[in-house]
Amino acid sequence: MKRIGITGGIGAGKSEVTNFLRGKGYTVIDADEVAREASVPGEPAMLTLREEIGAGIFLKDGNIDRPALAKMIFHDFDTMDLVNRILHADIRKRIEKYMKDCEERGKELVFISAPLLFEAGMDRALDEVWLVTARESVRFSRVRQRDGLSDDEIRARMRNQMPEAKKRARAQVIIGNNGALPELHANVEKALLLYENYSII
């Protein structure tokens, strides 16, 4: 089974690539969705976070207080590193299980979409990585419109991700996304040409 990772910095358009692939019938394991599974109250990672960081990052119903956690980790690199290590370990374990399930079902090609793919070391379990890229000005505009964040907040999130130059050096395929969706889709189609003989069922 061929395992292809998809990643990109905030605002680059990774989710649009994921949606396009799913629309064409490809299997995509989305790390953001897996992270939501891991964040359910009572799950192992949540119990570990409560022990290591405390109850202050949790709401009364047991769910994570995401604004409180975001405020904490974006100003405290040690806490961010701890949270990432706990969550990444759980997410990697779940993704590995999903990949094994796909292989046992006879899947020939599966995509793994993750914003922190390199940071979490997930690339080591993959055959190839596609990096979705866009100019910084384009990314800023998209994130402002999508999330309503200030430029300072966007810069903080960008600083907490691996620099794009380092990602480019480790990716096998670069997918540009500076224009409209049809252009992005065409770029993905070009990348898929190498796998046109792989079954997606």
C-alpha atoms as a PDB file:
ATOM      1  CA  MET A   1       0.000   0.000   0.000  1.00  0.00           C
ATOM      2  CA  LYS A   2       1.319   3.442  -0.937  1.00  0.00           C
ATOM      3  CA  ARG A   3       1.168   5.998   1.886  1.00  0.00           C
ATOM      4  CA  ILE A   4       1.256   9.665   0.876  1.00  0.00           C
ATOM      5  CA  GLY A   5       1.348  12.514   3.388  1.00  0.00           C
ATOM      6  CA  ILE A   6      -0.214  15.920   2.752  1.00  0.00           C
ATOM      7  CA  THR A   7       0.881  18.932   4.761  1.00  0.00           C
ATOM      8  CA  GLY A   8       1.168  22.701   4.554  1.00  0.00           C
ATOM      9  CA  GLY A   9       1.408  25.773   6.735  1.00  0.00           C
ATOM     10  CA  ILE A  10      -1.599  27.629   8.075  1.00  0.00           C
ATOM     11  CA  GLY A  11      -3.604  29.103   5.194  1.00  0.00           C
ATOM     12  CA  ALA A  12      -1.759  27.150   2.497  1.00  0.00           C
ATOM     13  CA  GLY A  13      -4.829  25.145   1.466  1.00  0.00           C
ATOM     14  CA  LYS A  14      -4.174  21.638   2.780  1.00  0.00           C
ATOM     15  CA  SER A  15      -7.859  21.139   3.619  1.00  0.00           C
ATOM     16  CA  GLU A  16      -8.889  22.050   0.057  1.00  0.00           C
ATOM     17  CA  VAL A  17      -6.542  19.357  -1.275  1.00  0.00           C
ATOM     18  CA  THR A  18      -7.999  16.869   1.209  1.00  0.00           C
ATOM     19  CA  ASN A  19     -11.565  17.733   0.180  1.00  0.00           C
ATOM     20  CA  PHE A  20     -10.695  17.416  -3.515  1.00  0.00           C
ATOM     21  CA  LEU A  21      -9.107  13.990  -3.057  1.00  0.00           C
ATOM     22  CA  ARG A  22     -12.061  12.724  -1.052  1.00  0.00           C
ATOM     23  CA  GLY A  23     -14.405  14.037  -3.713  1.00  0.00           C
ATOM     24  CA  LYS A  24     -12.578  11.903  -6.258  1.00  0.00           C
ATOM     25  CA  GLY A  25     -12.976   8.811  -4.079  1.00  0.00           C
ATOM     26  CA  TYR A  26      -9.530   8.597  -2.504  1.00  0.00           C
ATOM     27  CA  THR A  27      -9.092   7.478   1.097  1.00  0.00           C
ATOM     28  CA  VAL A  28      -7.779  10.306   3.286  1.00  0.00           C
ATOM     29  CA  ILE A  29      -6.930   9.942   6.968  1.00  0.00           C
ATOM     30  CA  ASP A  30      -7.166  13.475   8.384  1.00  0.00           C
ATOM     31  CA  ALA A  31      -5.023  14.107  11.464  1.00  0.00           C
ATOM     32  CA  ASP A  32      -7.300  16.985  12.535  1.00  0.00           C
ATOM     33  CA  GLU A  33     -10.249  14.590  12.634  1.00  0.00           C
ATOM     34  CA  VAL A  34      -8.163  12.005  14.483  1.00  0.00           C
ATOM     35  CA  ALA A  35      -7.115  14.716  16.944  1.00  0.00           C
ATOM     36  CA  ARG A  36     -10.771  15.423  17.671  1.00  0.00           C
ATOM     37  CA  GLU A  37     -11.268  11.726  18.423  1.00  0.00           C
ATOM     38  CA  ALA A  38      -8.288  11.820  20.776  1.00  0.00           C
ATOM     39  CA  SER A  39      -9.708  14.936  22.485  1.00  0.00           C
ATOM     40  CA  VAL A  40     -12.937  13.313  23.656  1.00  0.00           C
ATOM     41  CA  PRO A  41     -13.262  13.460  27.485  1.00  0.00           C
ATOM     42  CA  GLY A  42     -11.878  10.324  29.087  1.00  0.00           C
ATOM     43  CA  GLU A  43      -9.575   9.395  26.218  1.00  0.00           C
ATOM     44  CA  PRO A  44      -5.965   8.554  27.233  1.00  0.00           C
ATOM     45  CA  ALA A  45      -4.390  11.786  25.948  1.00  0.00           C
ATOM     46  CA  MET A  46      -6.962  13.885  27.808  1.00  0.00           C
ATOM     47  CA  LEU A  47      -6.300  12.068  31.063  1.00  0.00           C
ATOM     48  CA  THR A  48      -2.553  12.613  30.620  1.00  0.00           C
ATOM     49  CA  LEU A  49      -3.018  16.337  29.871  1.00  0.00           C
ATOM     50  CA  ARG A  50      -5.129  16.752  33.001  1.00  0.00           C
ATOM     51  CA  GLU A  51      -2.395  15.085  35.075  1.00  0.00           C
ATOM     52  CA  GLU A  52       0.484  17.023  33.501  1.00  0.00           C
ATOM     53  CA  ILE A  53      -1.033  20.502  33.048  1.00  0.00           C
ATOM     54  CA  GLY A  54      -4.032  20.585  35.355  1.00  0.00           C
ATOM     55  CA  ALA A  55      -7.781  21.060  35.204  1.00  0.00           C
ATOM     56  CA  GLY A  56      -7.504  24.723  34.180  1.00  0.00           C
ATOM     57  CA  ILE A  57      -7.485  23.873  30.474  1.00  0.00           C
ATOM     58  CA  PHE A  58     -10.724  21.904  30.727  1.00  0.00           C
ATOM     59  CA  LEU A  59     -14.367  23.006  30.721  1.00  0.00           C
ATOM     60  CA  LYS A  60     -16.855  21.697  33.257  1.00  0.00           C
ATOM     61  CA  ASP A  61     -18.105  19.078  30.773  1.00  0.00           C
ATOM     62  CA  GLY A  62     -14.610  17.615  30.433  1.00  0.00           C
ATOM     63  CA  ASN A  63     -13.864  19.049  27.006  1.00  0.00           C
ATOM     64  CA  ILE A  64     -10.728  21.101  26.405  1.00  0.00           C
ATOM     65  CA  ASP A  65     -11.116  24.843  26.807  1.00  0.00           C
ATOM     66  CA  ARG A  66      -9.499  25.526  23.436  1.00  0.00           C
ATOM     67  CA  PRO A  67      -9.127  29.315  23.772  1.00  0.00           C
ATOM     68  CA  ALA A  68      -7.493  28.866  27.190  1.00  0.00           C
ATOM     69  CA  LEU A  69      -5.159  26.167  25.871  1.00  0.00           C
ATOM     70  CA  ALA A  70      -4.287  28.195  22.772  1.00  0.00           C
ATOM     71  CA  LYS A  71      -3.487  31.259  24.867  1.00  0.00           C
ATOM     72  CA  MET A  72      -1.290  29.139  27.117  1.00  0.00           C
ATOM     73  CA  ILE A  73       0.709  27.285  24.471  1.00  0.00           C
ATOM     74  CA  PHE A  74       1.273  30.229  22.159  1.00  0.00           C
ATOM     75  CA  HIS A  75       3.052  32.074  24.962  1.00  0.00           C
ATOM     76  CA  ASP A  76       4.788  29.142  26.657  1.00  0.00           C
ATOM     77  CA  PHE A  77       6.966  26.961  24.420  1.00  0.00           C
ATOM     78  CA  ASP A  78       7.608  24.379  27.147  1.00  0.00           C
ATOM     79  CA  THR A  79       3.890  23.816  27.636  1.00  0.00           C
ATOM     80  CA  MET A  80       3.339  23.750  23.876  1.00  0.00           C
ATOM     81  CA  ASP A  81       6.049  21.103  23.542  1.00  0.00           C
ATOM     82  CA  LEU A  82       4.490  18.993  26.306  1.00  0.00           C
ATOM     83  CA  VAL A  83       0.990  19.232  24.797  1.00  0.00           C
ATOM     84  CA  ASN A  84       2.329  18.376  21.346  1.00  0.00           C
ATOM     85  CA  ARG A  85       4.268  15.353  22.619  1.00  0.00           C
ATOM     86  CA  ILE A  86       1.219  13.974  24.424  1.00  0.00           C
ATOM     87  CA  LEU A  87      -1.211  14.575  21.576  1.00  0.00           C
ATOM     88  CA  HIS A  88       1.153  13.607  18.763  1.00  0.00           C
ATOM     89  CA  ALA A  89       1.929  10.246  20.359  1.00  0.00           C
ATOM     90  CA  ASP A  90      -1.774   9.428  20.657  1.00  0.00           C
ATOM     91  CA  ILE A  91      -2.602  10.714  17.163  1.00  0.00           C
ATOM     92  CA  ARG A  92       0.277   8.786  15.558  1.00  0.00           C
ATOM     93  CA  LYS A  93      -0.896   5.586  17.243  1.00  0.00           C
ATOM     94  CA  ARG A  94      -4.446   6.073  15.948  1.00  0.00           C
ATOM     95  CA  ILE A  95      -3.270   6.923  12.423  1.00  0.00           C
ATOM     96  CA  GLU A  96      -1.048   3.838  12.350  1.00  0.00           C
ATOM     97  CA  LYS A  97      -4.082   1.743  13.266  1.00  0.00           C
ATOM     98  CA  TYR A  98      -6.167   3.348  10.499  1.00  0.00           C
ATOM     99  CA  MET A  99      -3.367   2.709   7.969  1.00  0.00           C
ATOM    100  CA  LYS A 100      -3.136  -0.920   9.062  1.00  0.00           C
ATOM    101  CA  ASP A 101      -6.915  -1.285   8.688  1.00  0.00           C
ATOM    102  CA  CYS A 102      -6.714   0.173   5.154  1.00  0.00           C
ATOM    103  CA  GLU A 103      -3.940  -2.244   4.202  1.00  0.00           C
ATOM    104  CA  GLU A 104      -5.873  -5.215   5.561  1.00  0.00           C
ATOM    105  CA  ARG A 105      -8.879  -4.148   3.441  1.00  0.00           C
ATOM    106  CA  GLY A 106      -6.677  -4.220   0.338  1.00  0.00           C
ATOM    107  CA  LYS A 107      -6.308  -0.469  -0.206  1.00  0.00           C
ATOM    108  CA  GLU A 108      -3.515   0.324  -2.662  1.00  0.00           C
ATOM    109  CA  LEU A 109      -3.267   4.056  -1.961  1.00  0.00           C
ATOM    110  CA  VAL A 110      -4.031   6.111   1.132  1.00  0.00           C
ATOM    111  CA  PHE A 111      -3.393   9.766   1.957  1.00  0.00           C
ATOM    112  CA  ILE A 112      -2.578  11.081   5.439  1.00  0.00           C
ATOM    113  CA  SER A 113      -3.307  14.788   5.895  1.00  0.00           C
ATOM    114  CA  ALA A 114      -1.607  16.538   8.820  1.00  0.00           C
ATOM    115  CA  PRO A 115      -0.656  20.194   9.425  1.00  0.00           C
ATOM    116  CA  LEU A 116       2.236  19.180  11.710  1.00  0.00           C
ATOM    117  CA  LEU A 117       3.260  16.107   9.761  1.00  0.00           C
ATOM    118  CA  PHE A 118       7.007  16.794   9.865  1.00  0.00           C
ATOM    119  CA  GLU A 119       6.927  18.226  13.390  1.00  0.00           C
ATOM    120  CA  ALA A 120       5.247  15.057  14.672  1.00  0.00           C
ATOM    121  CA  GLY A 121       7.668  12.775  12.826  1.00  0.00           C
ATOM    122  CA  MET A 122       4.856  11.160  10.847  1.00  0.00           C
ATOM    123  CA  ASP A 123       6.782  11.434   7.574  1.00  0.00           C
ATOM    124  CA  ARG A 124       9.013   8.561   8.696  1.00  0.00           C
ATOM    125  CA  ALA A 125       6.110   6.125   8.250  1.00  0.00           C
ATOM    126  CA  LEU A 126       5.180   7.420   4.780  1.00  0.00           C
ATOM    127  CA  ASP A 127       6.387   6.744   1.248  1.00  0.00           C
ATOM    128  CA  GLU A 128       6.027  10.322   0.019  1.00  0.00           C
ATOM    129  CA  VAL A 129       4.987  13.783   1.230  1.00  0.00           C
ATOM    130  CA  TRP A 130       3.087  16.432  -0.734  1.00  0.00           C
ATOM    131  CA  LEU A 131       3.589  19.988   0.516  1.00  0.00           C
ATOM    132  CA  VAL A 132       0.839  22.515  -0.239  1.00  0.00           C
ATOM    133  CA  THR A 133       2.319  26.013  -0.501  1.00  0.00           C
ATOM    134  CA  ALA A 134       1.211  29.604  -0.986  1.00  0.00           C
ATOM    135  CA  ARG A 135       2.791  33.029  -0.692  1.00  0.00           C
ATOM    136  CA  GLU A 136       2.774  34.430   2.834  1.00  0.00           C
ATOM    137  CA  SER A 137       0.545  37.348   1.812  1.00  0.00           C
ATOM    138  CA  VAL A 138      -1.994  34.905   0.374  1.00  0.00           C
ATOM    139  CA  ARG A 139      -1.913  32.793   3.523  1.00  0.00           C
ATOM    140  CA  PHE A 140      -2.417  35.875   5.726  1.00  0.00           C
ATOM    141  CA  SER A 141      -5.441  36.929   3.675  1.00  0.00           C
ATOM    142  CA  ARG A 142      -7.029  33.480   3.839  1.00  0.00           C
ATOM    143  CA  VAL A 143      -6.562  33.091   7.591  1.00  0.00           C
ATOM    144  CA  ARG A 144      -7.873  36.609   8.294  1.00  0.00           C
ATOM    145  CA  GLN A 145     -10.998  35.861   6.289  1.00  0.00           C
ATOM    146  CA  ARG A 146     -11.469  32.328   7.640  1.00  0.00           C
ATOM    147  CA  ASP A 147     -10.634  32.762  11.326  1.00  0.00           C
ATOM    148  CA  GLY A 148     -10.872  36.500  11.934  1.00  0.00           C
ATOM    149  CA  LEU A 149      -7.410  36.577  13.532  1.00  0.00           C
ATOM    150  CA  SER A 150      -5.185  39.613  13.801  1.00  0.00           C
ATOM    151  CA  ASP A 151      -1.871  39.748  11.944  1.00  0.00           C
ATOM    152  CA  ASP A 152      -0.008  39.278  15.237  1.00  0.00           C
ATOM    153  CA  GLU A 153      -2.054  36.160  16.025  1.00  0.00           C
ATOM    154  CA  ILE A 154      -1.402  34.768  12.548  1.00  0.00           C
ATOM    155  CA  ARG A 155       2.335  35.434  12.868  1.00  0.00           C
ATOM    156  CA  ALA A 156       2.363  33.642  16.225  1.00  0.00           C
ATOM    157  CA  ARG A 157       0.776  30.569  14.668  1.00  0.00           C
ATOM    158  CA  MET A 158       3.191  30.664  11.737  1.00  0.00           C
ATOM    159  CA  ARG A 159       6.161  30.884  14.109  1.00  0.00           C
ATOM    160  CA  ASN A 160       4.981  27.729  15.855  1.00  0.00           C
ATOM    161  CA  GLN A 161       5.166  25.758  12.612  1.00  0.00           C
ATOM    162  CA  MET A 162       8.273  24.510  10.837  1.00  0.00           C
ATOM    163  CA  PRO A 163       9.618  27.095   8.347  1.00  0.00           C
ATOM    164  CA  GLU A 164       8.436  26.376   4.811  1.00  0.00           C
ATOM    165  CA  ALA A 165      12.002  26.176   3.481  1.00  0.00           C
ATOM    166  CA  LYS A 166      12.656  23.188   5.746  1.00  0.00           C
ATOM    167  CA  LYS A 167       9.411  21.542   4.671  1.00  0.00           C
ATOM    168  CA  ARG A 168      10.303  22.030   1.000  1.00  0.00           C
ATOM    169  CA  ALA A 169      13.632  20.302   1.569  1.00  0.00           C
ATOM    170  CA  ARG A 170      11.872  17.240   2.999  1.00  0.00           C
ATOM    171  CA  ALA A 171       8.833  17.020   0.688  1.00  0.00           C
ATOM    172  CA  GLN A 172       8.839  15.032  -2.549  1.00  0.00           C
ATOM    173  CA  VAL A 173       6.014  16.933  -4.287  1.00  0.00           C
ATOM    174  CA  ILE A 174       5.222  20.672  -4.109  1.00  0.00           C
ATOM    175  CA  ILE A 175       1.645  21.755  -4.857  1.00  0.00           C
ATOM    176  CA  GLY A 176       1.258  25.497  -5.409  1.00  0.00           C
ATOM    177  CA  ASN A 177      -1.937  27.191  -4.263  1.00  0.00           C
ATOM    178  CA  ASN A 178      -1.653  30.919  -4.920  1.00  0.00           C
ATOM    179  CA  GLY A 179      -4.692  31.156  -7.170  1.00  0.00           C
ATOM    180  CA  ALA A 180      -8.289  29.986  -7.391  1.00  0.00           C
ATOM    181  CA  LEU A 181      -9.542  26.476  -6.631  1.00  0.00           C
ATOM    182  CA  PRO A 182      -9.577  25.263 -10.271  1.00  0.00           C
ATOM    183  CA  GLU A 183      -5.843  25.984 -10.469  1.00  0.00           C
ATOM    184  CA  LEU A 184      -5.207  24.082  -7.234  1.00  0.00           C
ATOM    185  CA  HIS A 185      -7.271  21.138  -8.440  1.00  0.00           C
ATOM    186  CA  ALA A 186      -5.282  21.056 -11.686  1.00  0.00           C
ATOM    187  CA  ASN A 187      -2.042  20.955  -9.706  1.00  0.00           C
ATOM    188  CA  VAL A 188      -3.341  18.044  -7.624  1.00  0.00           C
ATOM    189  CA  GLU A 189      -4.402  16.219 -10.788  1.00  0.00           C
ATOM    190  CA  LYS A 190      -0.829  16.528 -12.085  1.00  0.00           C
ATOM    191  CA  ALA A 191       0.525  15.015  -8.868  1.00  0.00           C
ATOM    192  CA  LEU A 192      -1.967  12.155  -9.154  1.00  0.00           C
ATOM    193  CA  LEU A 193      -0.773  11.134 -12.609  1.00  0.00           C
ATOM    194  CA  LEU A 194       1.902   8.923 -11.077  1.00  0.00           C
ATOM    195  CA  TYR A 195      -0.823   6.958  -9.291  1.00  0.00           C
ATOM    196  CA  GLU A 196      -3.473   6.680 -11.992  1.00  0.00           C
ATOM    197  CA  ASN A 197      -3.069   2.898 -12.044  1.00  0.00           C
ATOM    198  CA  TYR A 198      -3.634   2.505  -8.316  1.00  0.00           C
ATOM    199  CA  SER A 199      -7.037   1.251  -7.210  1.00  0.00           C
ATOM    200  CA  ILE A 200      -8.927   3.671  -4.955  1.00  0.00           C
ATOM    201  CA  ILE A 201     -11.649   1.216  -3.982  1.00  0.00           C
END
